[in-house]
Amino acid sequence: MTIEPVIDVGLERRPVMLLTRAHSAGAGAECSFLGITRPEEHPEHGELICLEYEAHEPMAQQELRSIAEFAAERWSLLSVRLHHALGRVPVGQASVVIQVHSRHRAESFEACRWLIDELKSRVPIWKQECWERSSSWKSGVPLQTTPDSTDCQT
């Protein structure tokens, strides 16, 4: 009997948090990743106050679901939770959370690492750094196209 994995993806208009909940049926491992805004100081702009996130929301939701479903299939995961914050995320609070359940630890670790790497390279979310005396957009990597993405050229 095959159990369908639980997929929970989303964009939240606040910092994100880990969920404490009952383990998925049959899980022997849970791996979590929490991306936290760390304190930094810029020589010209002063201390970092927060990060501000924007996204192309329909596309971001679609890509979050796509990578979560792919990971669930590739590593036979029992559940995947993948959420990213939008808006202001102060120092010390989290902008991204990943939680995966699997039967064995190796799959959980591998999937969790792959999910954050794919999120950073494929999901259209942009980050602005808000400093004491200025702000700047964080440079990123160009979005990767996926085989099922549409080409806007006619």
Foldseek 3Di string as FASTA:
>chain_A
DAADAAEAEEEAQAFDDDDDDDAFPLFPDKDKDFAFAAWDADPPQGIWFWKAKDFPPVQLRVQLRVLQNVLCVVLVWRYWYWYAYHGTHGGPTTGIMIMTTDNDDVSNVVSNVVSVVLSQQAGGMWMKTDGNHDIGTDDGHHHDDDPPDDDPDD
